[in-house]
Amino acid sequence: MGRRPFTLIFPYYENPTMLDMQLMRLSIMPAEVREALHLIVVDDGSPKSPLGEFTAACMRGLGLASVQLFRITVDVRWNWIAARNLAVSQASTEWVLMTDIDHIVPEATMRRIQEVKLSDRNVYRFSRVDVPDLTPYKPHPNSWLMTRAMFDKIGGYDERFSGYYGTDGEFRDRVTAACREVVLLDQALWRVPREVVADASTTAYQRKQPEDREGVTRIRREIAQSPTPHRGTFPWVRVV
């Protein structure tokens, strides 16, 4: 069995320093790992530090199988939902790994994905450790490895939740219903806290606000009446 190509997907929102760390880590991967790795980064509307041509040029120099950058052209809080939907729709590989920009995929985890048998009927999650000491941390509830066909079977993320924090549980419920098994892999993702990199995750918005709870409750009522997830509802452009 040759190496399994897959697409690494993460949204970006005002994370230039964290993105630099991601690119540095990718640059030191062995060539055989990089050559089977595709990368898609989606800027979900950064007003101050958007992805641009300079970033694209740096990414092209990494020796990856392919690099694609997109930008959602409206700034909606917590719109990683639409960013992930867009990225999966543009991926060319069968397998996709969706995570957040503050999670680094180390070499051992890359090799596990590329070299070991996986079932397209399963969805995979990962253990997690904290940078810099690599101390164990709880698994991330919204990092997923699956096929694009499985993502479509699940229905993707429902963009009715865009603008609200704390909405990934609804997607997890549909994951469980759609796949044969959710498998937690021993191989870890490396979580980068804001104490290590200040822009590792967004500080632009407050989490767990009353309007989030009210919005999520209202949208869940809408979903009960109209369950088909909404996808592709935000305008976007390709950066490269």
Foldseek 3Di string as FASTA:
>chain_A
DAWAAEEEEAEDEPQVVLVVVQLVQLLPAPLSLQARYEYEYEYAAHPPDDDADVNVVSNVPSNHVYYWYKYFNHDAPPVRQQRVLVVLVPDDHFKYKYDYSQWHQHNVNSCCNTPDDDDLLEKEFEWEAEPPVRHGDHTDPPIIMHTSVLCVQLQGGFCLLTRAPDQCVVSVVSNVVRGPYYYYDHRYIYGYDCVRPVVSDDPPDDHPDPVRVVSNVVVVVVCVVVVRGDHDPTDMDIND
